[in-house]
Amino acid sequence: VILTGGNLGRSDGGLLGPLTMDAVRRFKVDYAV
């Protein structure tokens, strides 16, 4: 399990922001859901 990092949304447990976007672009995954 790899967490992207980013700004934490306390209400939904989501990580967002520039750090998240940078982390996503480091991967090329087989499937996105």
PDB file of all heavy atoms in Angstrom:
ATOM      1  N   VAL A   1       0.845  -1.192   0.000  1.00  0.00           N
ATOM      2  CA  VAL A   1       0.000   0.000   0.000  1.00  0.00           C
ATOM      3  C   VAL A   1       0.879   1.240   0.000  1.00  0.00           C
ATOM      4  O   VAL A   1       1.762   1.393   0.854  1.00  0.00           O
ATOM      5  CB  VAL A   1      -0.939   0.027   1.224  1.00  0.00           C
ATOM      6  CG1 VAL A   1      -1.841   1.266   1.180  1.00  0.00           C
ATOM      7  CG2 VAL A   1      -1.776  -1.240   1.289  1.00  0.00           C
ATOM      8  N   ILE A   2       0.644   2.124  -0.959  1.00  0.00           N
ATOM      9  CA  ILE A   2       1.418   3.362  -1.071  1.00  0.00           C
ATOM     10  C   ILE A   2       0.467   4.554  -0.984  1.00  0.00           C
ATOM     11  O   ILE A   2      -0.467   4.671  -1.781  1.00  0.00           O
ATOM     12  CB  ILE A   2       2.183   3.416  -2.403  1.00  0.00           C
ATOM     13  CG1 ILE A   2       3.161   2.238  -2.498  1.00  0.00           C
ATOM     14  CG2 ILE A   2       2.915   4.740  -2.554  1.00  0.00           C
ATOM     15  CD1 ILE A   2       3.836   2.111  -3.850  1.00  0.00           C
ATOM     16  N   LEU A   3       0.695   5.430   0.006  1.00  0.00           N
ATOM     17  CA  LEU A   3      -0.074   6.661   0.128  1.00  0.00           C
ATOM     18  C   LEU A   3       0.642   7.782  -0.615  1.00  0.00           C
ATOM     19  O   LEU A   3       1.868   7.905  -0.532  1.00  0.00           O
ATOM     20  CB  LEU A   3      -0.239   7.035   1.599  1.00  0.00           C
ATOM     21  CG  LEU A   3      -1.391   6.394   2.351  1.00  0.00           C
ATOM     22  CD1 LEU A   3      -1.243   6.634   3.859  1.00  0.00           C
ATOM     23  CD2 LEU A   3      -2.729   6.954   1.879  1.00  0.00           C
ATOM     24  N   THR A   4      -0.142   8.588  -1.309  1.00  0.00           N
ATOM     25  CA  THR A   4       0.476   9.643  -2.118  1.00  0.00           C
ATOM     26  C   THR A   4       1.064  10.768  -1.298  1.00  0.00           C
ATOM     27  O   THR A   4       1.979  11.454  -1.741  1.00  0.00           O
ATOM     28  CB  THR A   4      -0.569  10.265  -3.053  1.00  0.00           C
ATOM     29  OG1 THR A   4      -1.621  10.841  -2.265  1.00  0.00           O
ATOM     30  CG2 THR A   4      -1.132   9.241  -4.017  1.00  0.00           C
ATOM     31  N   GLY A   5       0.529  11.020  -0.111  1.00  0.00           N
ATOM     32  CA  GLY A   5       0.862  12.249   0.589  1.00  0.00           C
ATOM     33  C   GLY A   5      -0.002  13.395   0.077  1.00  0.00           C
ATOM     34  O   GLY A   5      -0.733  13.246  -0.911  1.00  0.00           O
ATOM     35  N   GLY A   6       0.071  14.524   0.740  1.00  0.00           N
ATOM     36  CA  GLY A   6      -0.722  15.679   0.355  1.00  0.00           C
ATOM     37  C   GLY A   6      -1.438  16.271   1.543  1.00  0.00           C
ATOM     38  O   GLY A   6      -1.234  15.859   2.687  1.00  0.00           O
ATOM     39  N   ASN A   7      -2.286  17.259   1.281  1.00  0.00           N
ATOM     40  CA  ASN A   7      -3.052  17.913   2.345  1.00  0.00           C
ATOM     41  C   ASN A   7      -4.226  17.027   2.747  1.00  0.00           C
ATOM     42  O   ASN A   7      -5.019  16.631   1.902  1.00  0.00           O
ATOM     43  CB  ASN A   7      -3.578  19.271   1.869  1.00  0.00           C
ATOM     44  CG  ASN A   7      -2.458  20.227   1.523  1.00  0.00           C
ATOM     45  OD1 ASN A   7      -1.380  20.166   2.102  1.00  0.00           O
ATOM     46  ND2 ASN A   7      -2.713  21.112   0.587  1.00  0.00           N
ATOM     47  N   LEU A   8      -4.345  16.757   4.046  1.00  0.00           N
ATOM     48  CA  LEU A   8      -5.351  15.833   4.538  1.00  0.00           C
ATOM     49  C   LEU A   8      -6.701  16.521   4.723  1.00  0.00           C
ATOM     50  O   LEU A   8      -6.803  17.547   5.400  1.00  0.00           O
ATOM     51  CB  LEU A   8      -4.907  15.227   5.874  1.00  0.00           C
ATOM     52  CG  LEU A   8      -5.923  14.332   6.592  1.00  0.00           C
ATOM     53  CD1 LEU A   8      -6.236  13.098   5.765  1.00  0.00           C
ATOM     54  CD2 LEU A   8      -5.393  13.939   7.973  1.00  0.00           C
ATOM     55  N   GLY A   9      -7.735  15.936   4.110  1.00  0.00           N
ATOM     56  CA  GLY A   9      -9.102  16.359   4.381  1.00  0.00           C
ATOM     57  C   GLY A   9      -9.642  15.536   5.530  1.00  0.00           C
ATOM     58  O   GLY A   9      -9.860  14.333   5.389  1.00  0.00           O
ATOM     59  N   ARG A  10      -9.842  16.156   6.678  1.00  0.00           N
ATOM     60  CA  ARG A  10     -10.219  15.397   7.879  1.00  0.00           C
ATOM     61  C   ARG A  10     -11.600  14.761   7.760  1.00  0.00           C
ATOM     62  O   ARG A  10     -11.883  13.747   8.388  1.00  0.00           O
ATOM     63  CB  ARG A  10     -10.161  16.310   9.105  1.00  0.00           C
ATOM     64  CG  ARG A  10      -8.738  16.667   9.532  1.00  0.00           C
ATOM     65  CD  ARG A  10      -8.728  17.573  10.758  1.00  0.00           C
ATOM     66  NE  ARG A  10      -7.382  17.756  11.272  1.00  0.00           N
ATOM     67  CZ  ARG A  10      -6.510  18.618  10.789  1.00  0.00           C
ATOM     68  NH1 ARG A  10      -6.857  19.387   9.750  1.00  0.00           N
ATOM     69  NH2 ARG A  10      -5.301  18.733  11.298  1.00  0.00           N
ATOM     70  N   SER A  11     -12.466  15.346   6.973  1.00  0.00           N
ATOM     71  CA  SER A  11     -13.833  14.823   6.896  1.00  0.00           C
ATOM     72  C   SER A  11     -13.917  13.518   6.114  1.00  0.00           C
ATOM     73  O   SER A  11     -14.764  12.667   6.399  1.00  0.00           O
ATOM     74  CB  SER A  11     -14.768  15.860   6.268  1.00  0.00           C
ATOM     75  OG  SER A  11     -14.392  16.115   4.925  1.00  0.00           O
ATOM     76  N   ASP A  12     -13.032  13.346   5.109  1.00  0.00           N
ATOM     77  CA  ASP A  12     -13.144  12.161   4.249  1.00  0.00           C
ATOM     78  C   ASP A  12     -11.866  11.342   4.141  1.00  0.00           C
ATOM     79  O   ASP A  12     -11.845  10.329   3.450  1.00  0.00           O
ATOM     80  CB  ASP A  12     -13.604  12.569   2.845  1.00  0.00           C
ATOM     81  CG  ASP A  12     -12.637  13.522   2.145  1.00  0.00           C
ATOM     82  OD1 ASP A  12     -11.543  13.782   2.687  1.00  0.00           O
ATOM     83  OD2 ASP A  12     -12.984  14.005   1.056  1.00  0.00           O
ATOM     84  N   GLY A  13     -10.809  11.750   4.838  1.00  0.00           N
ATOM     85  CA  GLY A  13      -9.562  10.991   4.773  1.00  0.00           C
ATOM     86  C   GLY A  13      -8.842  11.114   3.457  1.00  0.00           C
ATOM     87  O   GLY A  13      -7.929  10.330   3.161  1.00  0.00           O
ATOM     88  N   GLY A  14      -9.221  12.098   2.639  1.00  0.00           N
ATOM     89  CA  GLY A  14      -8.598  12.274   1.337  1.00  0.00           C
ATOM     90  C   GLY A  14      -7.349  13.128   1.397  1.00  0.00           C
ATOM     91  O   GLY A  14      -7.214  14.026   2.236  1.00  0.00           O
ATOM     92  N   LEU A  15      -6.410  12.844   0.502  1.00  0.00           N
ATOM     93  CA  LEU A  15      -5.175  13.613   0.366  1.00  0.00           C
ATOM     94  C   LEU A  15      -5.211  14.343  -0.968  1.00  0.00           C
ATOM     95  O   LEU A  15      -5.413  13.731  -2.018  1.00  0.00           O
ATOM     96  CB  LEU A  15      -3.959  12.690   0.445  1.00  0.00           C
ATOM     97  CG  LEU A  15      -3.798  11.954   1.786  1.00  0.00           C
ATOM     98  CD1 LEU A  15      -2.823  10.797   1.640  1.00  0.00           C
ATOM     99  CD2 LEU A  15      -3.330  12.907   2.871  1.00  0.00           C
ATOM    100  N   LEU A  16      -5.002  15.668  -0.932  1.00  0.00           N
ATOM    101  CA  LEU A  16      -5.109  16.492  -2.124  1.00  0.00           C
ATOM    102  C   LEU A  16      -3.997  17.522  -2.162  1.00  0.00           C
ATOM    103  O   LEU A  16      -3.266  17.699  -1.204  1.00  0.00           O
ATOM    104  CB  LEU A  16      -6.474  17.212  -2.151  1.00  0.00           C
ATOM    105  CG  LEU A  16      -7.729  16.337  -2.231  1.00  0.00           C
ATOM    106  CD1 LEU A  16      -8.974  17.192  -2.048  1.00  0.00           C
ATOM    107  CD2 LEU A  16      -7.780  15.592  -3.551  1.00  0.00           C
ATOM    108  N   GLY A  17      -3.887  18.204  -3.290  1.00  0.00           N
ATOM    109  CA  GLY A  17      -2.921  19.283  -3.419  1.00  0.00           C
ATOM    110  C   GLY A  17      -1.742  18.930  -4.304  1.00  0.00           C
ATOM    111  O   GLY A  17      -1.668  17.841  -4.886  1.00  0.00           O
ATOM    112  N   PRO A  18      -0.768  19.845  -4.427  1.00  0.00           N
ATOM    113  CA  PRO A  18       0.380  19.653  -5.320  1.00  0.00           C
ATOM    114  C   PRO A  18       1.189  18.392  -5.028  1.00  0.00           C
ATOM    115  O   PRO A  18       1.645  17.713  -5.957  1.00  0.00           O
ATOM    116  CB  PRO A  18       1.218  20.915  -5.090  1.00  0.00           C
ATOM    117  CG  PRO A  18       0.240  21.943  -4.602  1.00  0.00           C
ATOM    118  CD  PRO A  18      -0.768  21.189  -3.799  1.00  0.00           C
ATOM    119  N   LEU A  19       1.389  18.068  -3.752  1.00  0.00           N
ATOM    120  CA  LEU A  19       2.148  16.855  -3.419  1.00  0.00           C
ATOM    121  C   LEU A  19       1.444  15.609  -3.943  1.00  0.00           C
ATOM    122  O   LEU A  19       2.092  14.676  -4.437  1.00  0.00           O
ATOM    123  CB  LEU A  19       2.334  16.745  -1.901  1.00  0.00           C
ATOM    124  CG  LEU A  19       3.338  17.688  -1.248  1.00  0.00           C
ATOM    125  CD1 LEU A  19       3.289  17.545   0.266  1.00  0.00           C
ATOM    126  CD2 LEU A  19       4.748  17.410  -1.761  1.00  0.00           C
ATOM    127  N   THR A  20       0.128  15.600  -3.841  1.00  0.00           N
ATOM    128  CA  THR A  20      -0.649  14.463  -4.335  1.00  0.00           C
ATOM    129  C   THR A  20      -0.507  14.332  -5.845  1.00  0.00           C
ATOM    130  O   THR A  20      -0.281  13.228  -6.372  1.00  0.00           O
ATOM    131  CB  THR A  20      -2.133  14.635  -3.969  1.00  0.00           C
ATOM    132  OG1 THR A  20      -2.253  14.909  -2.571  1.00  0.00           O
ATOM    133  CG2 THR A  20      -2.926  13.386  -4.314  1.00  0.00           C
ATOM    134  N   MET A  21      -0.651  15.446  -6.549  1.00  0.00           N
ATOM    135  CA  MET A  21      -0.536  15.428  -8.010  1.00  0.00           C
ATOM    136  C   MET A  21       0.844  14.942  -8.451  1.00  0.00           C
ATOM    137  O   MET A  21       0.960  14.125  -9.378  1.00  0.00           O
ATOM    138  CB  MET A  21      -0.816  16.825  -8.567  1.00  0.00           C
ATOM    139  CG  MET A  21      -2.210  17.351  -8.278  1.00  0.00           C
ATOM    140  SD  MET A  21      -3.475  16.484  -9.204  1.00  0.00           S
ATOM    141  CE  MET A  21      -3.231  17.209 -10.818  1.00  0.00           C
ATOM    142  N   ASP A  22       1.890  15.440  -7.780  1.00  0.00           N
ATOM    143  CA  ASP A  22       3.255  15.009  -8.122  1.00  0.00           C
ATOM    144  C   ASP A  22       3.417  13.509  -7.916  1.00  0.00           C
ATOM    145  O   ASP A  22       4.036  12.820  -8.742  1.00  0.00           O
ATOM    146  CB  ASP A  22       4.278  15.758  -7.263  1.00  0.00           C
ATOM    147  CG  ASP A  22       4.406  17.225  -7.658  1.00  0.00           C
ATOM    148  OD1 ASP A  22       3.937  17.589  -8.753  1.00  0.00           O
ATOM    149  OD2 ASP A  22       4.972  17.994  -6.865  1.00  0.00           O
ATOM    150  N   ALA A  23       2.865  13.003  -6.809  1.00  0.00           N
ATOM    151  CA  ALA A  23       2.995  11.570  -6.510  1.00  0.00           C
ATOM    152  C   ALA A  23       2.273  10.726  -7.550  1.00  0.00           C
ATOM    153  O   ALA A  23       2.790   9.702  -8.011  1.00  0.00           O
ATOM    154  CB  ALA A  23       2.458  11.275  -5.116  1.00  0.00           C
ATOM    155  N   VAL A  24       1.057  11.144  -7.929  1.00  0.00           N
ATOM    156  CA  VAL A  24       0.283  10.375  -8.915  1.00  0.00           C
ATOM    157  C   VAL A  24       1.065  10.242 -10.217  1.00  0.00           C
ATOM    158  O   VAL A  24       1.097   9.173 -10.842  1.00  0.00           O
ATOM    159  CB  VAL A  24      -1.081  11.051  -9.164  1.00  0.00           C
ATOM    160  CG1 VAL A  24      -1.780  10.423 -10.364  1.00  0.00           C
ATOM    161  CG2 VAL A  24      -1.969  10.955  -7.928  1.00  0.00           C
ATOM    162  N   ARG A  25       1.715  11.302 -10.639  1.00  0.00           N
ATOM    163  CA  ARG A  25       2.422  11.312 -11.928  1.00  0.00           C
ATOM    164  C   ARG A  25       3.686  10.456 -11.916  1.00  0.00           C
ATOM    165  O   ARG A  25       4.276  10.205 -12.963  1.00  0.00           O
ATOM    166  CB  ARG A  25       2.763  12.745 -12.316  1.00  0.00           C
ATOM    167  CG  ARG A  25       1.516  13.594 -12.589  1.00  0.00           C
ATOM    168  CD  ARG A  25       1.872  14.935 -13.192  1.00  0.00           C
ATOM    169  NE  ARG A  25       0.693  15.765 -13.358  1.00  0.00           N
ATOM    170  CZ  ARG A  25       0.394  16.833 -12.610  1.00  0.00           C
ATOM    171  NH1 ARG A  25       1.230  17.200 -11.637  1.00  0.00           N
ATOM    172  NH2 ARG A  25      -0.696  17.527 -12.828  1.00  0.00           N
ATOM    173  N   ARG A  26       4.088   9.976 -10.751  1.00  0.00           N
ATOM    174  CA  ARG A  26       5.257   9.093 -10.666  1.00  0.00           C
ATOM    175  C   ARG A  26       4.905   7.644 -11.036  1.00  0.00           C
ATOM    176  O   ARG A  26       5.792   6.820 -11.182  1.00  0.00           O
ATOM    177  CB  ARG A  26       5.849   9.118  -9.247  1.00  0.00           C
ATOM    178  CG  ARG A  26       6.513  10.430  -8.873  1.00  0.00           C
ATOM    179  CD  ARG A  26       6.960  10.409  -7.423  1.00  0.00           C
ATOM    180  NE  ARG A  26       7.600  11.650  -7.056  1.00  0.00           N
ATOM    181  CZ  ARG A  26       8.909  11.890  -7.119  1.00  0.00           C
ATOM    182  NH1 ARG A  26       9.708  10.928  -7.548  1.00  0.00           N
ATOM    183  NH2 ARG A  26       9.405  13.049  -6.763  1.00  0.00           N
ATOM    184  N   PHE A  27       3.628   7.346 -11.143  1.00  0.00           N
ATOM    185  CA  PHE A  27       3.189   5.967 -11.364  1.00  0.00           C
ATOM    186  C   PHE A  27       2.550   5.797 -12.735  1.00  0.00           C
ATOM    187  O   PHE A  27       2.041   6.732 -13.336  1.00  0.00           O
ATOM    188  CB  PHE A  27       2.174   5.555 -10.286  1.00  0.00           C
ATOM    189  CG  PHE A  27       2.762   5.474  -8.910  1.00  0.00           C
ATOM    190  CD1 PHE A  27       2.751   6.582  -8.071  1.00  0.00           C
ATOM    191  CD2 PHE A  27       3.351   4.302  -8.453  1.00  0.00           C
ATOM    192  CE1 PHE A  27       3.313   6.521  -6.805  1.00  0.00           C
ATOM    193  CE2 PHE A  27       3.910   4.226  -7.199  1.00  0.00           C
ATOM    194  CZ  PHE A  27       3.895   5.337  -6.367  1.00  0.00           C
ATOM    195  N   LYS A  28       2.610   4.561 -13.223  1.00  0.00           N
ATOM    196  CA  LYS A  28       1.837   4.121 -14.384  1.00  0.00           C
ATOM    197  C   LYS A  28       1.222   2.793 -13.971  1.00  0.00           C
ATOM    198  O   LYS A  28       1.870   1.739 -14.049  1.00  0.00           O
ATOM    199  CB  LYS A  28       2.737   3.957 -15.616  1.00  0.00           C
ATOM    200  CG  LYS A  28       1.948   3.670 -16.893  1.00  0.00           C
ATOM    201  CD  LYS A  28       1.201   4.908 -17.383  1.00  0.00           C
ATOM    202  CE  LYS A  28       0.534   4.653 -18.713  1.00  0.00           C
ATOM    203  NZ  LYS A  28      -0.132   5.859 -19.238  1.00  0.00           N
ATOM    204  N   VAL A  29      -0.022   2.829 -13.502  1.00  0.00           N
ATOM    205  CA  VAL A  29      -0.624   1.642 -12.907  1.00  0.00           C
ATOM    206  C   VAL A  29      -1.423   0.860 -13.954  1.00  0.00           C
ATOM    207  O   VAL A  29      -1.810   1.389 -14.998  1.00  0.00           O
ATOM    208  CB  VAL A  29      -1.530   2.004 -11.717  1.00  0.00           C
ATOM    209  CG1 VAL A  29      -0.719   2.645 -10.599  1.00  0.00           C
ATOM    210  CG2 VAL A  29      -2.675   2.904 -12.146  1.00  0.00           C
ATOM    211  N   ASP A  30      -1.676  -0.406 -13.630  1.00  0.00           N
ATOM    212  CA  ASP A  30      -2.465  -1.245 -14.535  1.00  0.00           C
ATOM    213  C   ASP A  30      -3.936  -0.829 -14.550  1.00  0.00           C
ATOM    214  O   ASP A  30      -4.571  -0.792 -15.610  1.00  0.00           O
ATOM    215  CB  ASP A  30      -2.356  -2.713 -14.114  1.00  0.00           C
ATOM    216  CG  ASP A  30      -0.928  -3.231 -14.212  1.00  0.00           C
ATOM    217  OD1 ASP A  30      -0.284  -2.983 -15.253  1.00  0.00           O
ATOM    218  OD2 ASP A  30      -0.452  -3.863 -13.249  1.00  0.00           O
ATOM    219  N   TYR A  31      -4.473  -0.542 -13.357  1.00  0.00           N
ATOM    220  CA  TYR A  31      -5.895  -0.216 -13.247  1.00  0.00           C
ATOM    221  C   TYR A  31      -6.092   0.997 -12.338  1.00  0.00           C
ATOM    222  O   TYR A  31      -5.416   1.123 -11.309  1.00  0.00           O
ATOM    223  CB  TYR A  31      -6.688  -1.389 -12.654  1.00  0.00           C
ATOM    224  CG  TYR A  31      -6.625  -2.647 -13.477  1.00  0.00           C
ATOM    225  CD1 TYR A  31      -5.633  -3.608 -13.235  1.00  0.00           C
ATOM    226  CD2 TYR A  31      -7.550  -2.890 -14.492  1.00  0.00           C
ATOM    227  CE1 TYR A  31      -5.564  -4.769 -13.988  1.00  0.00           C
ATOM    228  CE2 TYR A  31      -7.479  -4.052 -15.258  1.00  0.00           C
ATOM    229  CZ  TYR A  31      -6.490  -4.975 -14.997  1.00  0.00           C
ATOM    230  OH  TYR A  31      -6.415  -6.119 -15.748  1.00  0.00           O
ATOM    231  N   ALA A  32      -7.022   1.852 -12.709  1.00  0.00           N
ATOM    232  CA  ALA A  32      -7.487   2.915 -11.826  1.00  0.00           C
ATOM    233  C   ALA A  32      -8.965   2.685 -11.573  1.00  0.00           C
ATOM    234  O   ALA A  32      -9.730   2.398 -12.493  1.00  0.00           O
ATOM    235  CB  ALA A  32      -7.274   4.282 -12.452  1.00  0.00           C
ATOM    236  N   VAL A  33      -9.371   2.803 -10.313  1.00  0.00           N
ATOM    237  CA  VAL A  33     -10.786   2.714  -9.953  1.00  0.00           C
ATOM    238  C   VAL A  33     -11.166   4.030  -9.302  1.00  0.00           C
ATOM    239  O   VAL A  33     -10.606   4.409  -8.269  1.00  0.00           O
ATOM    240  CB  VAL A  33     -11.060   1.546  -8.984  1.00  0.00           C
ATOM    241  CG1 VAL A  33     -12.553   1.472  -8.670  1.00  0.00           C
ATOM    242  CG2 VAL A  33     -10.570   0.229  -9.577  1.00  0.00           C
TER     243      VAL A  33
END
